[in-house]
Amino acid sequence: MVVHLVTPNVDKATSSFSDPGFTDPVRVGFVVSRAVGPAVTRNRVKRRLRHLMRERVASLPVGSLVVVRAMSGAAGATYRDLGEALDRCLGRVVSS
């Protein structure tokens, strides 16, 4: 699994919304290629990753963009394995 994180620009003057109480949500995208397996397997991996990310979104900087790319080994990974890999990857990108 590979995770890319883009944190927002802290300059509030460039914000597209004028409401001072508005904060941009964290946006997450998933890339699961055909190398992972057939459509059924890819969709199962995406569903698992979506559910795992819901639990972890609160720990990410507000307004950040996250891309999670599943590698071919994700097809045979258990839910727990995916969660551990996701935690490990998020820990690396958030701390840097």
PDB file of N, CA and C in Angstrom:
ATOM      1  N   MET A   1       0.843  -1.169   0.000  1.00  0.00           N
ATOM      2  CA  MET A   1       0.000   0.000   0.000  1.00  0.00           C
ATOM      3  C   MET A   1       0.893   1.237   0.000  1.00  0.00           C
ATOM      4  N   VAL A   2       0.459   2.240  -0.738  1.00  0.00           N
ATOM      5  CA  VAL A   2       1.163   3.517  -0.796  1.00  0.00           C
ATOM      6  C   VAL A   2       0.154   4.615  -0.484  1.00  0.00           C
ATOM      7  N   VAL A   3       0.543   5.556   0.374  1.00  0.00           N
ATOM      8  CA  VAL A   3      -0.343   6.660   0.735  1.00  0.00           C
ATOM      9  C   VAL A   3       0.358   7.974   0.424  1.00  0.00           C
ATOM     10  N   HIS A   4      -0.341   8.856  -0.280  1.00  0.00           N
ATOM     11  CA  HIS A   4       0.151  10.200  -0.571  1.00  0.00           C
ATOM     12  C   HIS A   4      -0.723  11.187   0.186  1.00  0.00           C
ATOM     13  N   LEU A   5      -0.101  12.196   0.798  1.00  0.00           N
ATOM     14  CA  LEU A   5      -0.834  13.197   1.562  1.00  0.00           C
ATOM     15  C   LEU A   5      -0.406  14.587   1.112  1.00  0.00           C
ATOM     16  N   VAL A   6      -1.387  15.418   0.808  1.00  0.00           N
ATOM     17  CA  VAL A   6      -1.134  16.821   0.486  1.00  0.00           C
ATOM     18  C   VAL A   6      -1.860  17.643   1.530  1.00  0.00           C
ATOM     19  N   THR A   7      -1.097  18.428   2.280  1.00  0.00           N
ATOM     20  CA  THR A   7      -1.712  19.266   3.306  1.00  0.00           C
ATOM     21  C   THR A   7      -2.087  20.610   2.699  1.00  0.00           C
ATOM     22  N   PRO A   8      -3.097  21.253   3.256  1.00  0.00           N
ATOM     23  CA  PRO A   8      -3.583  22.505   2.668  1.00  0.00           C
ATOM     24  C   PRO A   8      -2.638  23.673   2.919  1.00  0.00           C
ATOM     25  N   ASN A   9      -2.824  24.680   2.103  1.00  0.00           N
ATOM     26  CA  ASN A   9      -2.111  25.937   2.310  1.00  0.00           C
ATOM     27  C   ASN A   9      -2.761  26.632   3.493  1.00  0.00           C
ATOM     28  N   VAL A  10      -1.977  27.144   4.417  1.00  0.00           N
ATOM     29  CA  VAL A  10      -2.529  27.747   5.622  1.00  0.00           C
ATOM     30  C   VAL A  10      -3.014  29.171   5.398  1.00  0.00           C
ATOM     31  N   ASP A  11      -2.830  29.725   4.213  1.00  0.00           N
ATOM     32  CA  ASP A  11      -3.254  31.089   3.920  1.00  0.00           C
ATOM     33  C   ASP A  11      -4.766  31.108   3.745  1.00  0.00           C
ATOM     34  N   LYS A  12      -5.474  31.701   4.694  1.00  0.00           N
ATOM     35  CA  LYS A  12      -6.943  31.736   4.651  1.00  0.00           C
ATOM     36  C   LYS A  12      -7.457  32.739   3.620  1.00  0.00           C
ATOM     37  N   ALA A  13      -6.616  33.658   3.165  1.00  0.00           N
ATOM     38  CA  ALA A  13      -7.063  34.663   2.196  1.00  0.00           C
ATOM     39  C   ALA A  13      -7.391  34.035   0.849  1.00  0.00           C
ATOM     40  N   THR A  14      -6.804  32.884   0.550  1.00  0.00           N
ATOM     41  CA  THR A  14      -7.053  32.241  -0.735  1.00  0.00           C
ATOM     42  C   THR A  14      -8.196  31.246  -0.683  1.00  0.00           C
ATOM     43  N   SER A  15      -8.855  31.143   0.471  1.00  0.00           N
ATOM     44  CA  SER A  15      -9.956  30.210   0.608  1.00  0.00           C
ATOM     45  C   SER A  15     -11.104  30.605  -0.300  1.00  0.00           C
ATOM     46  N   SER A  16     -11.746  29.615  -0.908  1.00  0.00           N
ATOM     47  CA  SER A  16     -12.841  29.890  -1.833  1.00  0.00           C
ATOM     48  C   SER A  16     -14.155  30.165  -1.105  1.00  0.00           C
ATOM     49  N   PHE A  17     -14.188  29.982   0.208  1.00  0.00           N
ATOM     50  CA  PHE A  17     -15.403  30.221   0.972  1.00  0.00           C
ATOM     51  C   PHE A  17     -15.182  31.388   1.918  1.00  0.00           C
ATOM     52  N   SER A  18     -16.176  32.246   2.021  1.00  0.00           N
ATOM     53  CA  SER A  18     -16.026  33.426   2.859  1.00  0.00           C
ATOM     54  C   SER A  18     -16.482  33.199   4.293  1.00  0.00           C
ATOM     55  N   ASP A  19     -17.133  32.096   4.584  1.00  0.00           N
ATOM     56  CA  ASP A  19     -17.610  31.801   5.933  1.00  0.00           C
ATOM     57  C   ASP A  19     -16.419  31.480   6.830  1.00  0.00           C
ATOM     58  N   PRO A  20     -16.186  32.264   7.891  1.00  0.00           N
ATOM     59  CA  PRO A  20     -15.016  32.011   8.735  1.00  0.00           C
ATOM     60  C   PRO A  20     -15.106  30.702   9.517  1.00  0.00           C
ATOM     61  N   GLY A  21     -16.292  30.183   9.736  1.00  0.00           N
ATOM     62  CA  GLY A  21     -16.449  28.935  10.466  1.00  0.00           C
ATOM     63  C   GLY A  21     -16.310  27.708   9.585  1.00  0.00           C
ATOM     64  N   PHE A  22     -16.189  27.911   8.287  1.00  0.00           N
ATOM     65  CA  PHE A  22     -16.105  26.788   7.351  1.00  0.00           C
ATOM     66  C   PHE A  22     -14.693  26.222   7.320  1.00  0.00           C
ATOM     67  N   THR A  23     -14.587  24.918   7.431  1.00  0.00           N
ATOM     68  CA  THR A  23     -13.294  24.263   7.261  1.00  0.00           C
ATOM     69  C   THR A  23     -13.415  23.253   6.134  1.00  0.00           C
ATOM     70  N   ASP A  24     -12.389  23.186   5.325  1.00  0.00           N
ATOM     71  CA  ASP A  24     -12.394  22.234   4.224  1.00  0.00           C
ATOM     72  C   ASP A  24     -12.321  20.824   4.774  1.00  0.00           C
ATOM     73  N   PRO A  25     -13.115  19.909   4.240  1.00  0.00           N
ATOM     74  CA  PRO A  25     -13.067  18.529   4.729  1.00  0.00           C
ATOM     75  C   PRO A  25     -11.821  17.811   4.205  1.00  0.00           C
ATOM     76  N   VAL A  26     -11.491  16.728   4.847  1.00  0.00           N
ATOM     77  CA  VAL A  26     -10.429  15.855   4.350  1.00  0.00           C
ATOM     78  C   VAL A  26     -11.019  15.060   3.195  1.00  0.00           C
ATOM     79  N   ARG A  27     -10.305  15.042   2.072  1.00  0.00           N
ATOM     80  CA  ARG A  27     -10.774  14.278   0.916  1.00  0.00           C
ATOM     81  C   ARG A  27      -9.846  13.091   0.703  1.00  0.00           C
ATOM     82  N   VAL A  28     -10.458  11.932   0.436  1.00  0.00           N
ATOM     83  CA  VAL A  28      -9.696  10.696   0.281  1.00  0.00           C
ATOM     84  C   VAL A  28     -10.076  10.049  -1.042  1.00  0.00           C
ATOM     85  N   GLY A  29      -9.060   9.604  -1.775  1.00  0.00           N
ATOM     86  CA  GLY A  29      -9.277   8.881  -3.026  1.00  0.00           C
ATOM     87  C   GLY A  29      -8.552   7.546  -2.971  1.00  0.00           C
ATOM     88  N   PHE A  30      -9.071   6.593  -3.706  1.00  0.00           N
ATOM     89  CA  PHE A  30      -8.494   5.249  -3.717  1.00  0.00           C
ATOM     90  C   PHE A  30      -8.147   4.850  -5.133  1.00  0.00           C
ATOM     91  N   VAL A  31      -6.989   4.222  -5.287  1.00  0.00           N
ATOM     92  CA  VAL A  31      -6.553   3.701  -6.580  1.00  0.00           C
ATOM     93  C   VAL A  31      -6.321   2.213  -6.384  1.00  0.00           C
ATOM     94  N   VAL A  32      -7.144   1.423  -7.065  1.00  0.00           N
ATOM     95  CA  VAL A  32      -7.012  -0.028  -6.997  1.00  0.00           C
ATOM     96  C   VAL A  32      -6.993  -0.521  -8.438  1.00  0.00           C
ATOM     97  N   SER A  33      -5.820  -0.868  -8.918  1.00  0.00           N
ATOM     98  CA  SER A  33      -5.665  -1.228 -10.329  1.00  0.00           C
ATOM     99  C   SER A  33      -6.041  -2.682 -10.579  1.00  0.00           C
ATOM    100  N   ARG A  34      -6.030  -3.058 -11.841  1.00  0.00           N
ATOM    101  CA  ARG A  34      -6.349  -4.432 -12.221  1.00  0.00           C
ATOM    102  C   ARG A  34      -5.320  -5.429 -11.728  1.00  0.00           C
ATOM    103  N   ALA A  35      -4.153  -4.947 -11.351  1.00  0.00           N
ATOM    104  CA  ALA A  35      -3.125  -5.843 -10.814  1.00  0.00           C
ATOM    105  C   ALA A  35      -3.573  -6.473  -9.499  1.00  0.00           C
ATOM    106  N   VAL A  36      -4.513  -5.832  -8.816  1.00  0.00           N
ATOM    107  CA  VAL A  36      -5.024  -6.364  -7.550  1.00  0.00           C
ATOM    108  C   VAL A  36      -5.882  -7.600  -7.802  1.00  0.00           C
ATOM    109  N   GLY A  37      -6.609  -7.617  -8.892  1.00  0.00           N
ATOM    110  CA  GLY A  37      -7.438  -8.776  -9.200  1.00  0.00           C
ATOM    111  C   GLY A  37      -8.651  -8.385 -10.011  1.00  0.00           C
ATOM    112  N   PRO A  38      -9.588  -9.305 -10.144  1.00  0.00           N
ATOM    113  CA  PRO A  38     -10.813  -9.008 -10.895  1.00  0.00           C
ATOM    114  C   PRO A  38     -11.673  -7.970 -10.172  1.00  0.00           C
ATOM    115  N   ALA A  39     -12.717  -7.526 -10.821  1.00  0.00           N
ATOM    116  CA  ALA A  39     -13.555  -6.434 -10.310  1.00  0.00           C
ATOM    117  C   ALA A  39     -14.102  -6.720  -8.914  1.00  0.00           C
ATOM    118  N   VAL A  40     -14.508  -7.937  -8.665  1.00  0.00           N
ATOM    119  CA  VAL A  40     -15.065  -8.285  -7.356  1.00  0.00           C
ATOM    120  C   VAL A  40     -14.019  -8.068  -6.263  1.00  0.00           C
ATOM    121  N   THR A  41     -12.806  -8.488  -6.521  1.00  0.00           N
ATOM    122  CA  THR A  41     -11.718  -8.337  -5.549  1.00  0.00           C
ATOM    123  C   THR A  41     -11.351  -6.871  -5.370  1.00  0.00           C
ATOM    124  N   ARG A  42     -11.244  -6.137  -6.467  1.00  0.00           N
ATOM    125  CA  ARG A  42     -10.915  -4.707  -6.385  1.00  0.00           C
ATOM    126  C   ARG A  42     -11.968  -3.952  -5.585  1.00  0.00           C
ATOM    127  N   ASN A  43     -13.229  -4.238  -5.827  1.00  0.00           N
ATOM    128  CA  ASN A  43     -14.304  -3.557  -5.105  1.00  0.00           C
ATOM    129  C   ASN A  43     -14.287  -3.911  -3.619  1.00  0.00           C
ATOM    130  N   ARG A  44     -13.973  -5.161  -3.286  1.00  0.00           N
ATOM    131  CA  ARG A  44     -13.881  -5.555  -1.882  1.00  0.00           C
ATOM    132  C   ARG A  44     -12.745  -4.799  -1.184  1.00  0.00           C
ATOM    133  N   VAL A  45     -11.608  -4.668  -1.869  1.00  0.00           N
ATOM    134  CA  VAL A  45     -10.476  -3.929  -1.295  1.00  0.00           C
ATOM    135  C   VAL A  45     -10.860  -2.466  -1.103  1.00  0.00           C
ATOM    136  N   LYS A  46     -11.531  -1.868  -2.082  1.00  0.00           N
ATOM    137  CA  LYS A  46     -11.955  -0.465  -1.954  1.00  0.00           C
ATOM    138  C   LYS A  46     -12.928  -0.272  -0.802  1.00  0.00           C
ATOM    139  N   ARG A  47     -13.880  -1.181  -0.648  1.00  0.00           N
ATOM    140  CA  ARG A  47     -14.842  -1.077   0.463  1.00  0.00           C
ATOM    141  C   ARG A  47     -14.128  -1.165   1.810  1.00  0.00           C
ATOM    142  N   ARG A  48     -13.198  -2.090   1.918  1.00  0.00           N
ATOM    143  CA  ARG A  48     -12.456  -2.226   3.176  1.00  0.00           C
ATOM    144  C   ARG A  48     -11.634  -0.975   3.466  1.00  0.00           C
ATOM    145  N   LEU A  49     -10.953  -0.457   2.452  1.00  0.00           N
ATOM    146  CA  LEU A  49     -10.138   0.743   2.647  1.00  0.00           C
ATOM    147  C   LEU A  49     -11.001   1.951   3.013  1.00  0.00           C
ATOM    148  N   ARG A  50     -12.164   2.072   2.371  1.00  0.00           N
ATOM    149  CA  ARG A  50     -13.074   3.177   2.703  1.00  0.00           C
ATOM    150  C   ARG A  50     -13.495   3.112   4.159  1.00  0.00           C
ATOM    151  N   HIS A  51     -13.849   1.942   4.616  1.00  0.00           N
ATOM    152  CA  HIS A  51     -14.277   1.777   5.998  1.00  0.00           C
ATOM    153  C   HIS A  51     -13.129   2.065   6.957  1.00  0.00           C
ATOM    154  N   LEU A  52     -11.947   1.590   6.643  1.00  0.00           N
ATOM    155  CA  LEU A  52     -10.780   1.838   7.496  1.00  0.00           C
ATOM    156  C   LEU A  52     -10.441   3.324   7.547  1.00  0.00           C
ATOM    157  N   MET A  53     -10.565   4.021   6.423  1.00  0.00           N
ATOM    158  CA  MET A  53     -10.239   5.448   6.395  1.00  0.00           C
ATOM    159  C   MET A  53     -11.249   6.267   7.187  1.00  0.00           C
ATOM    160  N   ARG A  54     -12.509   5.851   7.220  1.00  0.00           N
ATOM    161  CA  ARG A  54     -13.518   6.581   8.005  1.00  0.00           C
ATOM    162  C   ARG A  54     -13.100   6.683   9.463  1.00  0.00           C
ATOM    163  N   GLU A  55     -12.477   5.635   9.966  1.00  0.00           N
ATOM    164  CA  GLU A  55     -12.045   5.615  11.359  1.00  0.00           C
ATOM    165  C   GLU A  55     -10.822   6.492  11.594  1.00  0.00           C
ATOM    166  N   ARG A  56     -10.082   6.822  10.525  1.00  0.00           N
ATOM    167  CA  ARG A  56      -8.807   7.522  10.674  1.00  0.00           C
ATOM    168  C   ARG A  56      -8.815   8.959  10.165  1.00  0.00           C
ATOM    169  N   VAL A  57      -9.888   9.403   9.569  1.00  0.00           N
ATOM    170  CA  VAL A  57      -9.950  10.742   8.980  1.00  0.00           C
ATOM    171  C   VAL A  57      -9.766  11.829  10.034  1.00  0.00           C
ATOM    172  N   ALA A  58     -10.274  11.618  11.221  1.00  0.00           N
ATOM    173  CA  ALA A  58     -10.172  12.636  12.267  1.00  0.00           C
ATOM    174  C   ALA A  58      -8.726  12.938  12.659  1.00  0.00           C
ATOM    175  N   SER A  59      -7.814  12.002  12.425  1.00  0.00           N
ATOM    176  CA  SER A  59      -6.417  12.211  12.806  1.00  0.00           C
ATOM    177  C   SER A  59      -5.617  12.953  11.738  1.00  0.00           C
ATOM    178  N   LEU A  60      -6.242  13.269  10.608  1.00  0.00           N
ATOM    179  CA  LEU A  60      -5.547  13.946   9.508  1.00  0.00           C
ATOM    180  C   LEU A  60      -5.760  15.448   9.581  1.00  0.00           C
ATOM    181  N   PRO A  61      -4.822  16.227   9.049  1.00  0.00           N
ATOM    182  CA  PRO A  61      -4.985  17.686   9.046  1.00  0.00           C
ATOM    183  C   PRO A  61      -6.233  18.098   8.259  1.00  0.00           C
ATOM    184  N   VAL A  62      -6.928  19.104   8.760  1.00  0.00           N
ATOM    185  CA  VAL A  62      -8.149  19.590   8.114  1.00  0.00           C
ATOM    186  C   VAL A  62      -7.818  20.106   6.723  1.00  0.00           C
ATOM    187  N   GLY A  63      -8.612  19.712   5.749  1.00  0.00           N
ATOM    188  CA  GLY A  63      -8.435  20.180   4.383  1.00  0.00           C
ATOM    189  C   GLY A  63      -7.407  19.409   3.582  1.00  0.00           C
ATOM    190  N   SER A  64      -6.864  18.345   4.131  1.00  0.00           N
ATOM    191  CA  SER A  64      -5.831  17.611   3.409  1.00  0.00           C
ATOM    192  C   SER A  64      -6.442  16.686   2.356  1.00  0.00           C
ATOM    193  N   LEU A  65      -5.603  16.315   1.408  1.00  0.00           N
ATOM    194  CA  LEU A  65      -5.984  15.394   0.343  1.00  0.00           C
ATOM    195  C   LEU A  65      -5.162  14.124   0.522  1.00  0.00           C
ATOM    196  N   VAL A  66      -5.824  12.979   0.505  1.00  0.00           N
ATOM    197  CA  VAL A  66      -5.150  11.704   0.701  1.00  0.00           C
ATOM    198  C   VAL A  66      -5.468  10.798  -0.472  1.00  0.00           C
ATOM    199  N   VAL A  67      -4.432  10.148  -1.001  1.00  0.00           N
ATOM    200  CA  VAL A  67      -4.624   9.138  -2.040  1.00  0.00           C
ATOM    201  C   VAL A  67      -4.036   7.841  -1.513  1.00  0.00           C
ATOM    202  N   VAL A  68      -4.856   6.801  -1.492  1.00  0.00           N
ATOM    203  CA  VAL A  68      -4.433   5.482  -1.037  1.00  0.00           C
ATOM    204  C   VAL A  68      -4.378   4.580  -2.265  1.00  0.00           C
ATOM    205  N   ARG A  69      -3.181   4.042  -2.524  1.00  0.00           N
ATOM    206  CA  ARG A  69      -3.001   3.160  -3.685  1.00  0.00           C
ATOM    207  C   ARG A  69      -2.747   1.754  -3.184  1.00  0.00           C
ATOM    208  N   ALA A  70      -3.644   0.838  -3.526  1.00  0.00           N
ATOM    209  CA  ALA A  70      -3.515  -0.554  -3.107  1.00  0.00           C
ATOM    210  C   ALA A  70      -2.613  -1.297  -4.076  1.00  0.00           C
ATOM    211  N   MET A  71      -1.705  -2.060  -3.542  1.00  0.00           N
ATOM    212  CA  MET A  71      -0.815  -2.876  -4.350  1.00  0.00           C
ATOM    213  C   MET A  71      -1.426  -4.264  -4.517  1.00  0.00           C
ATOM    214  N   SER A  72      -0.802  -5.098  -5.338  1.00  0.00           N
ATOM    215  CA  SER A  72      -1.378  -6.400  -5.671  1.00  0.00           C
ATOM    216  C   SER A  72      -1.563  -7.301  -4.453  1.00  0.00           C
ATOM    217  N   GLY A  73      -0.758  -7.140  -3.423  1.00  0.00           N
ATOM    218  CA  GLY A  73      -0.889  -7.966  -2.225  1.00  0.00           C
ATOM    219  C   GLY A  73      -2.139  -7.685  -1.417  1.00  0.00           C
ATOM    220  N   ALA A  74      -2.807  -6.572  -1.693  1.00  0.00           N
ATOM    221  CA  ALA A  74      -4.015  -6.215  -0.949  1.00  0.00           C
ATOM    222  C   ALA A  74      -5.153  -7.195  -1.196  1.00  0.00           C
ATOM    223  N   ALA A  75      -5.106  -7.906  -2.309  1.00  0.00           N
ATOM    224  CA  ALA A  75      -6.183  -8.844  -2.634  1.00  0.00           C
ATOM    225  C   ALA A  75      -6.282  -9.959  -1.608  1.00  0.00           C
ATOM    226  N   GLY A  76      -5.154 -10.444  -1.131  1.00  0.00           N
ATOM    227  CA  GLY A  76      -5.163 -11.544  -0.175  1.00  0.00           C
ATOM    228  C   GLY A  76      -5.034 -11.104   1.267  1.00  0.00           C
ATOM    229  N   ALA A  77      -4.971  -9.812   1.501  1.00  0.00           N
ATOM    230  CA  ALA A  77      -4.790  -9.305   2.861  1.00  0.00           C
ATOM    231  C   ALA A  77      -6.101  -9.358   3.634  1.00  0.00           C
ATOM    232  N   THR A  78      -5.986  -9.632   4.914  1.00  0.00           N
ATOM    233  CA  THR A  78      -7.165  -9.608   5.774  1.00  0.00           C
ATOM    234  C   THR A  78      -7.495  -8.160   6.120  1.00  0.00           C
ATOM    235  N   TYR A  79      -8.651  -7.976   6.715  1.00  0.00           N
ATOM    236  CA  TYR A  79      -9.072  -6.638   7.139  1.00  0.00           C
ATOM    237  C   TYR A  79      -8.070  -6.058   8.129  1.00  0.00           C
ATOM    238  N   ARG A  80      -7.619  -6.877   9.047  1.00  0.00           N
ATOM    239  CA  ARG A  80      -6.644  -6.436  10.050  1.00  0.00           C
ATOM    240  C   ARG A  80      -5.318  -6.061   9.386  1.00  0.00           C
ATOM    241  N   ASP A  81      -4.864  -6.858   8.411  1.00  0.00           N
ATOM    242  CA  ASP A  81      -3.615  -6.557   7.706  1.00  0.00           C
ATOM    243  C   ASP A  81      -3.708  -5.226   6.973  1.00  0.00           C
ATOM    244  N   LEU A  82      -4.851  -4.990   6.315  1.00  0.00           N
ATOM    245  CA  LEU A  82      -5.042  -3.714   5.613  1.00  0.00           C
ATOM    246  C   LEU A  82      -5.022  -2.548   6.604  1.00  0.00           C
ATOM    247  N   GLY A  83      -5.651  -2.731   7.750  1.00  0.00           N
ATOM    248  CA  GLY A  83      -5.666  -1.686   8.763  1.00  0.00           C
ATOM    249  C   GLY A  83      -4.281  -1.369   9.292  1.00  0.00           C
ATOM    250  N   GLU A  84      -3.490  -2.407   9.541  1.00  0.00           N
ATOM    251  CA  GLU A  84      -2.125  -2.200  10.025  1.00  0.00           C
ATOM    252  C   GLU A  84      -1.264  -1.507   8.971  1.00  0.00           C
ATOM    253  N   ALA A  85      -1.400  -1.923   7.709  1.00  0.00           N
ATOM    254  CA  ALA A  85      -0.632  -1.296   6.636  1.00  0.00           C
ATOM    255  C   ALA A  85      -1.044   0.160   6.464  1.00  0.00           C
ATOM    256  N   LEU A  86      -2.334   0.427   6.573  1.00  0.00           N
ATOM    257  CA  LEU A  86      -2.827   1.796   6.444  1.00  0.00           C
ATOM    258  C   LEU A  86      -2.312   2.664   7.587  1.00  0.00           C
ATOM    259  N   ASP A  87      -2.335   2.146   8.801  1.00  0.00           N
ATOM    260  CA  ASP A  87      -1.807   2.894   9.948  1.00  0.00           C
ATOM    261  C   ASP A  87      -0.322   3.196   9.777  1.00  0.00           C
ATOM    262  N   ARG A  88       0.422   2.212   9.310  1.00  0.00           N
ATOM    263  CA  ARG A  88       1.857   2.389   9.108  1.00  0.00           C
ATOM    264  C   ARG A  88       2.127   3.474   8.058  1.00  0.00           C
ATOM    265  N   CYS A  89       1.398   3.426   6.951  1.00  0.00           N
ATOM    266  CA  CYS A  89       1.589   4.411   5.874  1.00  0.00           C
ATOM    267  C   CYS A  89       1.137   5.807   6.305  1.00  0.00           C
ATOM    268  N   LEU A  90       0.004   5.891   6.973  1.00  0.00           N
ATOM    269  CA  LEU A  90      -0.475   7.198   7.440  1.00  0.00           C
ATOM    270  C   LEU A  90       0.480   7.789   8.478  1.00  0.00           C
ATOM    271  N   GLY A  91       1.030   6.936   9.321  1.00  0.00           N
ATOM    272  CA  GLY A  91       1.993   7.413  10.308  1.00  0.00           C
ATOM    273  C   GLY A  91       3.210   8.032   9.652  1.00  0.00           C
ATOM    274  N   ARG A  92       3.653   7.461   8.552  1.00  0.00           N
ATOM    275  CA  ARG A  92       4.811   7.997   7.832  1.00  0.00           C
ATOM    276  C   ARG A  92       4.519   9.335   7.192  1.00  0.00           C
ATOM    277  N   VAL A  93       3.373   9.455   6.518  1.00  0.00           N
ATOM    278  CA  VAL A  93       3.108  10.694   5.784  1.00  0.00           C
ATOM    279  C   VAL A  93       2.667  11.821   6.697  1.00  0.00           C
ATOM    280  N   VAL A  94       2.002  11.516   7.802  1.00  0.00           N
ATOM    281  CA  VAL A  94       1.559  12.569   8.703  1.00  0.00           C
ATOM    282  C   VAL A  94       2.736  13.134   9.490  1.00  0.00           C
ATOM    283  N   SER A  95       3.675  12.276   9.875  1.00  0.00           N
ATOM    284  CA  SER A  95       4.809  12.731  10.666  1.00  0.00           C
ATOM    285  C   SER A  95       5.846  13.503   9.851  1.00  0.00           C
ATOM    286  N   SER A  96       5.859  13.312   8.544  1.00  0.00           N
ATOM    287  CA  SER A  96       6.873  14.001   7.727  1.00  0.00           C
ATOM    288  C   SER A  96       6.446  15.363   7.260  1.00  0.00           C
TER     289      SER A  96
END
